[in-house]
Amino acid sequence: MAETDTTTPLFESQAEIVVDATPDEVYALVSDLPRCREWSTECTGGEWISGRPGAAGAVFRGHNVRGEDVVAWAPVVRGVWTTESQVHTAIPGVEFSWAMRDSRGRAQSSVWAFRMSPEGAGCRLTHHFRMDEPTEGIRKITRDMDDDERRRFVTEWGAKVGADLHETLRRLKSIIETER
C-alpha cells in the first residue's frame, strides 16, 4: 500500500486555464524560464547558470522585482533581488516544476509547477505552488512576528500567491494563443 502525504503545507495554491494549444506547445513556452518576464508578476527574466537549460537538475537564476504595496506591513523583500531555483520535473507536454534554493544552494520545499493535460482541441494548464516548510526567506520575514502576525502574514501572502498564479495563467494564455 502506498503512503499518502499527510503533511499540511504552509502554502498551497493552484489555478487552471484552458489554452488553445497542444500540451507540447505549452510546455515549450513554460519551460523557457528566461522568457518568464513575459508572464510572471515578479520575475523580470534571468539565465540558466548550470545544467542543460530546462532539464531536471538545471539551475536558473531569476531576477525579480516587488512593489512596496505587497503585504505592505510585513518585512518582505522589496525592489530588485535574485533567486536561484533548480528544475525538479521536466516531462515535455506533461509537467515542468522547480524548487527554490536556499543561500547554500539546497532545494527548499517551495515548489512551483506547470502541469499540462489535453482538453478538447487544446490543453488544460495548471499552475501550482506548494511550500511545506517555511523557506529561509519566510523564516526571516516571520522571525520577529508573534503568532497572530504570523497567521495574518500566511493568510495575506497566500492570497497574493493565489492571485499571482491566476494572473500568470492569463498572461500565458495570451502569449501562447497570439504566437500560435
Protein backbone atom coordinates (compact mmCIF):
# COMPACT_ATOMS: atom_id res chain seq x y z
CA MET A 1 0.00 0.00 0.00
CA ALA A 2 1.37 3.42 -0.97
CA GLU A 3 1.93 6.02 1.69
CA THR A 4 -0.07 9.23 1.40
CA ASP A 5 1.32 12.66 2.16
CA THR A 6 -0.39 13.87 5.31
CA THR A 7 1.73 16.99 5.67
CA THR A 8 -0.31 20.15 5.84
CA PRO A 9 1.56 22.65 3.70
CA LEU A 10 2.29 26.16 4.89
CA PHE A 11 1.18 27.40 1.45
CA GLU A 12 -0.59 25.60 -1.36
CA SER A 13 -2.45 27.14 -4.24
CA GLN A 14 -3.27 26.40 -7.84
CA ALA A 15 -5.03 27.94 -10.80
CA GLU A 16 -6.17 26.45 -14.10
CA ILE A 17 -6.97 27.73 -17.56
CA VAL A 18 -7.77 26.14 -20.91
CA VAL A 19 -5.42 27.20 -23.70
CA ASP A 20 -5.87 26.83 -27.45
CA ALA A 21 -2.58 24.95 -27.95
CA THR A 22 -1.22 21.45 -27.51
CA PRO A 23 0.42 20.35 -24.26
CA ASP A 24 3.77 20.21 -26.10
CA GLU A 25 3.39 23.79 -27.34
CA VAL A 26 2.52 25.00 -23.85
CA TYR A 27 5.42 23.07 -22.32
CA ALA A 28 7.87 24.61 -24.79
CA LEU A 29 6.96 28.07 -23.52
CA VAL A 30 6.67 27.49 -19.75
CA SER A 31 9.98 25.59 -19.63
CA ASP A 32 11.78 28.53 -21.28
CA LEU A 33 12.39 30.31 -17.98
CA PRO A 34 14.41 33.23 -19.41
CA ARG A 35 11.11 34.29 -21.06
CA CYS A 36 9.26 34.34 -17.73
CA ARG A 37 9.41 38.14 -17.69
CA GLU A 38 6.63 37.98 -20.27
CA TRP A 39 4.16 36.29 -17.92
CA SER A 40 5.42 36.47 -14.34
CA THR A 41 4.09 39.02 -11.87
CA GLU A 42 7.53 39.31 -10.20
CA CYS A 43 10.26 37.64 -12.26
CA THR A 44 11.77 40.00 -14.82
CA GLY A 45 13.86 37.33 -16.52
CA GLY A 46 17.08 35.53 -15.80
CA GLU A 47 19.52 32.98 -17.09
CA TRP A 48 20.44 29.33 -16.79
CA ILE A 49 23.59 29.03 -14.66
CA SER A 50 24.20 25.28 -14.68
CA GLY A 51 22.96 22.13 -16.33
CA ARG A 52 21.18 21.74 -19.65
CA PRO A 53 18.55 24.53 -19.90
CA GLY A 54 15.12 23.24 -18.95
CA ALA A 55 16.33 19.76 -17.93
CA ALA A 56 15.84 18.22 -14.49
CA GLY A 57 18.68 19.39 -12.23
CA ALA A 58 19.40 22.58 -14.21
CA VAL A 59 19.71 25.76 -12.15
CA PHE A 60 18.11 29.08 -13.12
CA ARG A 61 18.94 32.49 -11.63
CA GLY A 62 15.84 34.69 -11.72
CA HIS A 63 15.79 38.47 -11.50
CA ASN A 64 12.77 39.78 -9.63
CA VAL A 65 11.06 42.97 -8.56
CA ARG A 66 8.38 43.53 -5.92
CA GLY A 67 6.49 46.71 -5.16
CA GLU A 68 6.02 48.43 -1.81
CA ASP A 69 2.31 47.55 -1.66
CA VAL A 70 2.75 43.76 -1.45
CA VAL A 71 1.79 42.79 2.13
CA ALA A 72 2.98 46.29 2.95
CA TRP A 73 3.12 45.83 6.73
CA ALA A 74 5.45 42.79 6.59
CA PRO A 75 9.26 42.91 6.15
CA VAL A 76 9.27 41.17 2.74
CA VAL A 77 11.98 41.81 0.15
CA ARG A 78 11.06 44.85 -1.93
CA GLY A 79 12.62 46.30 -5.03
CA VAL A 80 15.03 44.15 -7.05
CA TRP A 81 16.50 40.81 -5.94
CA THR A 82 17.64 37.48 -7.39
CA THR A 83 16.70 33.88 -6.65
CA GLU A 84 18.04 30.54 -7.72
CA SER A 85 15.84 27.58 -8.50
CA GLN A 86 16.52 24.03 -9.59
CA VAL A 87 14.39 22.18 -12.11
CA HIS A 88 12.69 19.30 -10.35
CA THR A 89 10.48 17.78 -13.06
CA ALA A 90 10.88 18.19 -16.83
CA ILE A 91 8.45 15.93 -18.71
CA PRO A 92 7.62 17.53 -22.09
CA GLY A 93 3.90 18.06 -22.59
CA VAL A 94 3.13 16.92 -19.03
CA GLU A 95 4.89 18.83 -16.24
CA PHE A 96 7.62 21.38 -15.58
CA SER A 97 8.47 22.18 -11.95
CA TRP A 98 11.23 23.82 -9.98
CA ALA A 99 12.21 24.25 -6.33
CA MET A 100 13.60 27.46 -4.89
CA ARG A 101 17.13 27.08 -3.49
CA ASP A 102 18.44 28.46 -0.22
CA SER A 103 21.59 30.54 0.20
CA ARG A 104 23.69 27.33 0.31
CA GLY A 105 22.24 26.09 -2.99
CA ARG A 106 19.95 23.44 -1.49
CA ALA A 107 16.45 22.89 -2.85
CA GLN A 108 13.77 24.00 -0.41
CA SER A 109 10.19 22.76 -0.07
CA SER A 110 8.99 25.71 -2.17
CA VAL A 111 7.94 24.11 -5.45
CA TRP A 112 6.32 25.80 -8.43
CA ALA A 113 4.84 23.70 -11.21
CA PHE A 114 3.09 23.91 -14.56
CA ARG A 115 1.07 20.83 -15.50
CA MET A 116 -0.47 20.25 -18.91
CA SER A 117 -3.20 17.85 -19.97
CA PRO A 118 -5.12 17.55 -23.23
CA GLU A 119 -8.55 19.17 -23.20
CA GLY A 120 -10.61 19.06 -26.37
CA ALA A 121 -8.51 20.55 -29.16
CA GLY A 122 -6.38 22.40 -26.61
CA CYS A 123 -4.77 22.00 -23.24
CA ARG A 124 -5.64 22.50 -19.59
CA LEU A 125 -2.75 24.37 -17.99
CA THR A 126 -2.46 24.20 -14.21
CA HIS A 127 -0.08 26.42 -12.26
CA HIS A 128 0.61 25.04 -8.79
CA PHE A 129 2.60 26.23 -5.80
CA ARG A 130 3.32 24.34 -2.59
CA MET A 131 5.55 25.15 0.36
CA ASP A 132 5.58 22.52 3.08
CA GLU A 133 8.08 24.06 5.48
CA PRO A 134 8.98 27.74 5.81
CA THR A 135 11.82 28.61 3.47
CA GLU A 136 14.88 30.55 4.53
CA GLY A 137 13.17 33.74 3.30
CA ILE A 138 9.88 33.08 5.09
CA ARG A 139 11.75 32.35 8.32
CA LYS A 140 13.50 35.76 8.02
CA ILE A 141 10.21 37.55 7.33
CA THR A 142 8.37 35.99 10.27
CA ARG A 143 11.28 35.79 12.74
CA ASP A 144 10.12 38.74 14.88
CA MET A 145 6.37 38.21 14.45
CA ASP A 146 4.06 36.96 17.17
CA ASP A 147 1.60 34.12 16.43
CA ASP A 148 -1.21 36.46 15.31
CA GLU A 149 1.11 38.33 12.94
CA ARG A 150 2.42 35.05 11.51
CA ARG A 151 -1.14 33.83 10.85
CA ARG A 152 -2.01 37.18 9.25
CA PHE A 153 1.12 37.02 7.09
CA VAL A 154 0.42 33.44 5.95
CA THR A 155 -3.15 34.40 5.05
CA GLU A 156 -2.19 37.56 3.14
CA TRP A 157 0.86 36.01 1.43
CA GLY A 158 -1.23 33.00 0.42
CA ALA A 159 -3.84 35.29 -1.15
CA LYS A 160 -1.10 37.19 -3.01
CA VAL A 161 0.37 33.95 -4.40
CA GLY A 162 -3.07 32.71 -5.45
CA ALA A 163 -3.77 35.96 -7.32
CA ASP A 164 -0.32 35.78 -8.96
CA LEU A 165 -0.99 32.24 -10.22
CA HIS A 166 -4.21 33.36 -11.91
CA GLU A 167 -2.56 36.42 -13.47
CA THR A 168 0.37 34.34 -14.71
CA LEU A 169 -2.00 31.95 -16.45
CA ARG A 170 -3.98 34.79 -18.01
CA ARG A 171 -0.74 36.23 -19.45
CA LEU A 172 0.50 32.82 -20.63
CA LYS A 173 -2.78 32.12 -22.45
CA SER A 174 -2.49 35.43 -24.28
CA ILE A 175 1.13 34.78 -25.30
CA ILE A 176 0.52 31.19 -26.38
CA GLU A 177 -2.59 31.94 -28.39
CA THR A 178 -1.02 35.02 -30.03
CA GLU A 179 2.17 33.15 -31.03
CA ARG A 180 0.33 30.10 -32.29
